[in-house]
Amino acid sequence: MSPNTSAEADARELAEQLRPALRRLFRQLKRHTDDEPISPLHTPLLVTILENPGIGVGELAQMEGLRSPTMSGHINSMVAAGLVKRTEPKAGDRRRVGLVVTPHGRALIDAKRKRRTDQLVRALAQLSPAARNTLRAAIPALNDIELSDTDA
């Protein structure tokens, strides 16, 4: 067995163990969204706009893998809910309108992040110090993982 084949086999085994654990944690973090004042579909859009102030609808649609008309519908409902607002067109292109998160939208995202962090804090506090240190040591490697669009 070549070193490359061995590394791929090891990576496959690790992926098969990691994927269910990540899926379970993600589902648990999302579990309490019934009483949320923001749609689960709008949350990632709002975060993307928050991280990219002034982003255009077309660019946002492309980043999120949605068609522009679909994205426009989402944006219209988010504007109506007071979560985002459209910016004034830029001088060079009067058609180019950007999007920014409103203070209300930011407060909702901040509250959601706090709830999820608090969930993790409670769960992590139940682990042994050795288990928490193991997770801490894994964070740099987890942050290095990049999935390309062709991997999805």
C-alpha atoms as a PDB file:
ATOM      1  CA  MET A   1       0.000   0.000   0.000  1.00  0.00           C
ATOM      2  CA  SER A   2       1.473   3.344  -1.024  1.00  0.00           C
ATOM      3  CA  PRO A   3       1.737   6.180   1.527  1.00  0.00           C
ATOM      4  CA  ASN A   4      -0.893   8.162  -0.397  1.00  0.00           C
ATOM      5  CA  THR A   5      -3.340   5.238  -0.340  1.00  0.00           C
ATOM      6  CA  SER A   6      -2.708   4.773   3.377  1.00  0.00           C
ATOM      7  CA  ALA A   7      -3.370   8.473   4.066  1.00  0.00           C
ATOM      8  CA  GLU A   8      -6.577   8.336   2.033  1.00  0.00           C
ATOM      9  CA  ALA A   9      -7.773   5.219   3.878  1.00  0.00           C
ATOM     10  CA  ASP A  10      -7.005   6.886   7.219  1.00  0.00           C
ATOM     11  CA  ALA A  11      -8.806  10.051   6.106  1.00  0.00           C
ATOM     12  CA  ARG A  12     -11.835   8.009   4.976  1.00  0.00           C
ATOM     13  CA  GLU A  13     -12.044   6.244   8.348  1.00  0.00           C
ATOM     14  CA  LEU A  14     -11.754   9.570  10.170  1.00  0.00           C
ATOM     15  CA  ALA A  15     -14.413  11.146   7.933  1.00  0.00           C
ATOM     16  CA  GLU A  16     -16.815   8.267   8.627  1.00  0.00           C
ATOM     17  CA  GLN A  17     -16.354   8.823  12.371  1.00  0.00           C
ATOM     18  CA  LEU A  18     -16.402  12.616  12.285  1.00  0.00           C
ATOM     19  CA  ARG A  19     -19.380  13.194   9.988  1.00  0.00           C
ATOM     20  CA  PRO A  20     -22.050  11.647  12.266  1.00  0.00           C
ATOM     21  CA  ALA A  21     -20.648  13.443  15.315  1.00  0.00           C
ATOM     22  CA  LEU A  22     -20.709  16.802  13.526  1.00  0.00           C
ATOM     23  CA  ARG A  23     -24.224  16.144  12.168  1.00  0.00           C
ATOM     24  CA  ARG A  24     -25.496  15.255  15.662  1.00  0.00           C
ATOM     25  CA  LEU A  25     -23.972  18.395  17.223  1.00  0.00           C
ATOM     26  CA  PHE A  26     -25.311  20.596  14.427  1.00  0.00           C
ATOM     27  CA  ARG A  27     -28.821  19.173  14.848  1.00  0.00           C
ATOM     28  CA  GLN A  28     -28.691  19.686  18.594  1.00  0.00           C
ATOM     29  CA  LEU A  29     -27.615  23.302  18.150  1.00  0.00           C
ATOM     30  CA  LYS A  30     -30.460  23.890  15.688  1.00  0.00           C
ATOM     31  CA  ARG A  31     -33.068  22.031  17.732  1.00  0.00           C
ATOM     32  CA  HIS A  32     -34.595  24.983  19.581  1.00  0.00           C
ATOM     33  CA  THR A  33     -35.506  27.140  16.592  1.00  0.00           C
ATOM     34  CA  ASP A  34     -39.315  26.819  16.749  1.00  0.00           C
ATOM     35  CA  ASP A  35     -39.651  29.915  18.924  1.00  0.00           C
ATOM     36  CA  GLU A  36     -37.040  31.903  16.983  1.00  0.00           C
ATOM     37  CA  PRO A  37     -38.207  35.242  15.568  1.00  0.00           C
ATOM     38  CA  ILE A  38     -36.111  34.598  12.450  1.00  0.00           C
ATOM     39  CA  SER A  39     -36.574  31.939   9.799  1.00  0.00           C
ATOM     40  CA  PRO A  40     -33.966  29.157   9.709  1.00  0.00           C
ATOM     41  CA  LEU A  41     -33.595  29.966   5.999  1.00  0.00           C
ATOM     42  CA  HIS A  42     -32.871  33.616   6.727  1.00  0.00           C
ATOM     43  CA  THR A  43     -30.301  33.062   9.453  1.00  0.00           C
ATOM     44  CA  PRO A  44     -27.382  32.065   7.163  1.00  0.00           C
ATOM     45  CA  LEU A  45     -28.303  34.841   4.727  1.00  0.00           C
ATOM     46  CA  LEU A  46     -28.303  37.377   7.523  1.00  0.00           C
ATOM     47  CA  VAL A  47     -24.919  36.159   8.751  1.00  0.00           C
ATOM     48  CA  THR A  48     -23.455  36.388   5.239  1.00  0.00           C
ATOM     49  CA  ILE A  49     -24.760  39.952   4.869  1.00  0.00           C
ATOM     50  CA  LEU A  50     -23.405  40.798   8.326  1.00  0.00           C
ATOM     51  CA  GLU A  51     -19.971  39.505   7.303  1.00  0.00           C
ATOM     52  CA  ASN A  52     -20.137  41.246   3.895  1.00  0.00           C
ATOM     53  CA  PRO A  53     -21.817  44.639   4.407  1.00  0.00           C
ATOM     54  CA  GLY A  54     -22.917  46.200   1.136  1.00  0.00           C
ATOM     55  CA  ILE A  55     -23.091  42.868  -0.693  1.00  0.00           C
ATOM     56  CA  GLY A  56     -25.387  42.841  -3.707  1.00  0.00           C
ATOM     57  CA  VAL A  57     -28.335  40.513  -4.144  1.00  0.00           C
ATOM     58  CA  GLY A  58     -26.738  38.777  -7.136  1.00  0.00           C
ATOM     59  CA  GLU A  59     -23.455  38.208  -5.329  1.00  0.00           C
ATOM     60  CA  LEU A  60     -25.297  36.914  -2.260  1.00  0.00           C
ATOM     61  CA  ALA A  61     -27.323  34.540  -4.445  1.00  0.00           C
ATOM     62  CA  GLN A  62     -24.146  33.235  -6.030  1.00  0.00           C
ATOM     63  CA  MET A  63     -22.414  32.759  -2.659  1.00  0.00           C
ATOM     64  CA  GLU A  64     -25.419  30.873  -1.271  1.00  0.00           C
ATOM     65  CA  GLY A  65     -26.071  28.826  -4.423  1.00  0.00           C
ATOM     66  CA  LEU A  66     -29.509  30.299  -5.082  1.00  0.00           C
ATOM     67  CA  ARG A  67     -31.062  31.882  -8.146  1.00  0.00           C
ATOM     68  CA  SER A  68     -31.313  35.693  -8.071  1.00  0.00           C
ATOM     69  CA  PRO A  69     -35.160  35.760  -8.209  1.00  0.00           C
ATOM     70  CA  THR A  70     -35.291  33.336  -5.266  1.00  0.00           C
ATOM     71  CA  MET A  71     -32.812  35.460  -3.344  1.00  0.00           C
ATOM     72  CA  SER A  72     -34.780  38.624  -4.137  1.00  0.00           C
ATOM     73  CA  GLY A  73     -37.850  37.064  -2.523  1.00  0.00           C
ATOM     74  CA  HIS A  74     -35.878  36.223   0.607  1.00  0.00           C
ATOM     75  CA  ILE A  75     -34.387  39.714   0.745  1.00  0.00           C
ATOM     76  CA  ASN A  76     -37.804  41.341   0.312  1.00  0.00           C
ATOM     77  CA  SER A  77     -39.189  39.401   3.281  1.00  0.00           C
ATOM     78  CA  MET A  78     -36.090  40.188   5.359  1.00  0.00           C
ATOM     79  CA  VAL A  79     -36.466  43.904   4.533  1.00  0.00           C
ATOM     80  CA  ALA A  80     -40.165  43.746   5.461  1.00  0.00           C
ATOM     81  CA  ALA A  81     -39.213  42.099   8.782  1.00  0.00           C
ATOM     82  CA  GLY A  82     -36.706  44.879   9.485  1.00  0.00           C
ATOM     83  CA  LEU A  83     -33.694  42.523   9.419  1.00  0.00           C
ATOM     84  CA  VAL A  84     -31.837  44.096   6.497  1.00  0.00           C
ATOM     85  CA  LYS A  85     -32.004  47.311   4.548  1.00  0.00           C
ATOM     86  CA  ARG A  86     -30.898  48.286   1.099  1.00  0.00           C
ATOM     87  CA  THR A  87     -28.143  50.863   0.781  1.00  0.00           C
ATOM     88  CA  GLU A  88     -28.181  53.776  -1.600  1.00  0.00           C
ATOM     89  CA  PRO A  89     -26.907  52.988  -5.101  1.00  0.00           C
ATOM     90  CA  LYS A  90     -23.264  53.724  -5.745  1.00  0.00           C
ATOM     91  CA  ALA A  91     -22.456  56.767  -7.856  1.00  0.00           C
ATOM     92  CA  GLY A  92     -21.000  54.744 -10.739  1.00  0.00           C
ATOM     93  CA  ASP A  93     -23.872  52.242 -11.005  1.00  0.00           C
ATOM     94  CA  ARG A  94     -27.310  53.417  -9.989  1.00  0.00           C
ATOM     95  CA  ARG A  95     -28.645  49.854 -10.304  1.00  0.00           C
ATOM     96  CA  ARG A  96     -26.153  48.459  -7.753  1.00  0.00           C
ATOM     97  CA  VAL A  97     -27.834  48.421  -4.363  1.00  0.00           C
ATOM     98  CA  GLY A  98     -26.071  46.833  -1.436  1.00  0.00           C
ATOM     99  CA  LEU A  99     -27.490  45.138   1.635  1.00  0.00           C
ATOM    100  CA  VAL A 100     -26.689  45.742   5.293  1.00  0.00           C
ATOM    101  CA  VAL A 101     -28.010  44.200   8.483  1.00  0.00           C
ATOM    102  CA  THR A 102     -30.173  46.457  10.630  1.00  0.00           C
ATOM    103  CA  PRO A 103     -29.563  46.836  14.366  1.00  0.00           C
ATOM    104  CA  HIS A 104     -32.641  44.623  14.902  1.00  0.00           C
ATOM    105  CA  GLY A 105     -31.184  41.919  12.629  1.00  0.00           C
ATOM    106  CA  ARG A 106     -27.817  42.119  14.388  1.00  0.00           C
ATOM    107  CA  ALA A 107     -29.481  41.803  17.788  1.00  0.00           C
ATOM    108  CA  LEU A 108     -31.308  38.656  16.665  1.00  0.00           C
ATOM    109  CA  ILE A 109     -28.108  37.082  15.318  1.00  0.00           C
ATOM    110  CA  ASP A 110     -26.185  38.048  18.465  1.00  0.00           C
ATOM    111  CA  ALA A 111     -28.917  36.498  20.641  1.00  0.00           C
ATOM    112  CA  LYS A 112     -28.918  33.306  18.565  1.00  0.00           C
ATOM    113  CA  ARG A 113     -25.116  33.049  18.775  1.00  0.00           C
ATOM    114  CA  LYS A 114     -25.288  33.541  22.547  1.00  0.00           C
ATOM    115  CA  ARG A 115     -27.929  30.805  22.943  1.00  0.00           C
ATOM    116  CA  ARG A 116     -25.855  28.372  20.887  1.00  0.00           C
ATOM    117  CA  THR A 117     -22.661  29.269  22.736  1.00  0.00           C
ATOM    118  CA  ASP A 118     -24.458  28.779  26.051  1.00  0.00           C
ATOM    119  CA  GLN A 119     -25.641  25.343  24.840  1.00  0.00           C
ATOM    120  CA  LEU A 120     -22.061  24.388  24.020  1.00  0.00           C
ATOM    121  CA  VAL A 121     -20.758  25.749  27.324  1.00  0.00           C
ATOM    122  CA  ARG A 122     -23.195  23.574  29.279  1.00  0.00           C
ATOM    123  CA  ALA A 123     -22.297  20.490  27.226  1.00  0.00           C
ATOM    124  CA  LEU A 124     -18.543  21.077  27.334  1.00  0.00           C
ATOM    125  CA  ALA A 125     -18.642  21.675  31.091  1.00  0.00           C
ATOM    126  CA  GLN A 126     -19.942  18.099  31.460  1.00  0.00           C
ATOM    127  CA  LEU A 127     -16.812  16.683  29.807  1.00  0.00           C
ATOM    128  CA  SER A 128     -13.668  15.797  31.684  1.00  0.00           C
ATOM    129  CA  PRO A 129     -10.767  18.269  31.559  1.00  0.00           C
ATOM    130  CA  ALA A 130      -8.862  15.744  29.418  1.00  0.00           C
ATOM    131  CA  ALA A 131     -11.732  15.538  26.907  1.00  0.00           C
ATOM    132  CA  ARG A 132     -11.960  19.343  26.736  1.00  0.00           C
ATOM    133  CA  ASN A 133      -8.196  19.528  26.133  1.00  0.00           C
ATOM    134  CA  THR A 134      -8.512  16.946  23.349  1.00  0.00           C
ATOM    135  CA  LEU A 135     -11.205  19.052  21.675  1.00  0.00           C
ATOM    136  CA  ARG A 136      -9.128  22.212  22.162  1.00  0.00           C
ATOM    137  CA  ALA A 137      -6.151  20.537  20.487  1.00  0.00           C
ATOM    138  CA  ALA A 138      -8.342  19.508  17.517  1.00  0.00           C
ATOM    139  CA  ILE A 139      -9.599  23.033  16.780  1.00  0.00           C
ATOM    140  CA  PRO A 140      -6.669  24.109  14.538  1.00  0.00           C
ATOM    141  CA  ALA A 141      -7.047  20.968  12.399  1.00  0.00           C
ATOM    142  CA  LEU A 142     -10.822  21.422  12.180  1.00  0.00           C
ATOM    143  CA  ASN A 143     -10.298  25.036  11.100  1.00  0.00           C
ATOM    144  CA  ASP A 144      -7.919  23.855   8.372  1.00  0.00           C
ATOM    145  CA  ILE A 145     -10.565  21.639   6.729  1.00  0.00           C
ATOM    146  CA  GLU A 146     -11.814  23.173   3.480  1.00  0.00           C
ATOM    147  CA  LEU A 147     -14.552  21.547   1.420  1.00  0.00           C
ATOM    148  CA  SER A 148     -14.615  22.611  -2.192  1.00  0.00           C
ATOM    149  CA  ASP A 149     -17.909  23.057  -4.028  1.00  0.00           C
ATOM    150  CA  THR A 150     -17.157  19.900  -5.989  1.00  0.00           C
ATOM    151  CA  ASP A 151     -16.923  17.939  -2.703  1.00  0.00           C
ATOM    152  CA  ALA A 152     -20.517  18.709  -1.731  1.00  0.00           C
END
